[in-house]
Amino acid sequence: MQATVKGFDAATRSGSVLLDDGTELPFDGAAFAAGGLRLLRLGQRVNLAMDGDRISVVTLSTFPLPPRD
């Protein structure tokens, strides 16, 4: 699934994204860390992995999602 970064707090490594249908979803520092990134910018396109209704991985749209355990 892809989305656009709406907000990102570098201190907590958490933020929110907008899905293409306009739905806003939050992500936590663990989801950010799972994607192997160091920084996100507002408006950046990202790939998401979901675990139920929670984002479990955020990474750049040009990067593959990491394999699931």
Protein backbone atom coordinates (compact mmCIF):
# COMPACT_ATOMS: atom_id res chain seq x y z
CA MET A 1 0.00 0.00 0.00
CA GLN A 2 1.27 3.51 -0.73
CA ALA A 3 0.65 6.81 1.02
CA THR A 4 1.99 10.37 1.34
CA VAL A 5 3.73 11.67 4.47
CA LYS A 6 1.51 14.23 6.21
CA GLY A 7 3.67 14.76 9.29
CA PHE A 8 6.87 13.43 10.84
CA ASP A 9 8.50 14.13 14.22
CA ALA A 10 12.23 13.31 14.01
CA ALA A 11 12.53 13.26 17.83
CA THR A 12 9.91 10.52 18.34
CA ARG A 13 10.30 9.05 14.84
CA SER A 14 6.52 8.91 14.56
CA GLY A 15 4.06 10.67 12.32
CA SER A 16 1.11 10.24 10.01
CA VAL A 17 0.41 9.49 6.38
CA LEU A 18 -2.47 10.13 4.00
CA LEU A 19 -3.75 7.23 1.97
CA ASP A 20 -4.76 7.92 -1.61
CA ASP A 21 -8.42 8.03 -0.52
CA GLY A 22 -7.62 10.82 1.98
CA THR A 23 -7.66 8.64 5.11
CA GLU A 24 -5.07 9.71 7.68
CA LEU A 25 -3.20 6.96 9.53
CA PRO A 26 -0.65 7.39 12.33
CA PHE A 27 2.58 5.41 12.59
CA ASP A 28 4.88 4.94 15.58
CA GLY A 29 8.64 4.87 15.95
CA ALA A 30 8.72 1.07 15.68
CA ALA A 31 7.06 1.18 12.23
CA PHE A 32 9.54 3.83 11.12
CA ALA A 33 12.54 1.85 12.45
CA ALA A 34 11.32 -1.31 10.69
CA GLY A 35 11.66 0.46 7.34
CA GLY A 36 15.35 1.23 7.79
CA LEU A 37 14.99 4.97 7.15
CA ARG A 38 16.70 7.93 8.81
CA LEU A 39 14.33 10.75 7.84
CA LEU A 40 11.02 11.51 6.13
CA ARG A 41 9.92 14.73 4.43
CA LEU A 42 6.38 16.07 4.17
CA GLY A 43 4.81 15.05 0.88
CA GLN A 44 7.16 12.11 0.37
CA ARG A 45 5.61 8.93 -1.08
CA VAL A 46 6.03 5.85 1.09
CA ASN A 47 5.19 2.14 1.07
CA LEU A 48 3.33 0.75 4.06
CA ALA A 49 2.93 -2.70 5.54
CA MET A 50 -0.11 -3.15 7.74
CA ASP A 51 -0.68 -5.43 10.72
CA GLY A 52 -4.44 -5.35 11.06
CA ASP A 53 -5.37 -1.67 11.25
CA ARG A 54 -1.89 -0.59 12.42
CA ILE A 55 1.05 0.45 10.23
CA SER A 56 3.92 -1.95 10.96
CA VAL A 57 6.49 -0.71 8.39
CA VAL A 58 7.07 2.63 6.65
CA THR A 59 9.66 2.84 3.88
CA LEU A 60 10.25 4.86 0.72
CA SER A 61 8.09 4.03 -2.28
CA THR A 62 11.25 3.19 -4.24
CA PHE A 63 12.38 0.65 -1.61
CA PRO A 64 10.96 -2.86 -1.26
CA LEU A 65 9.13 -3.73 1.92
CA PRO A 66 11.21 -5.97 4.19
CA PRO A 67 10.21 -9.66 4.28
CA ARG A 68 7.66 -10.60 6.90
CA ASP A 69 8.68 -13.04 9.63
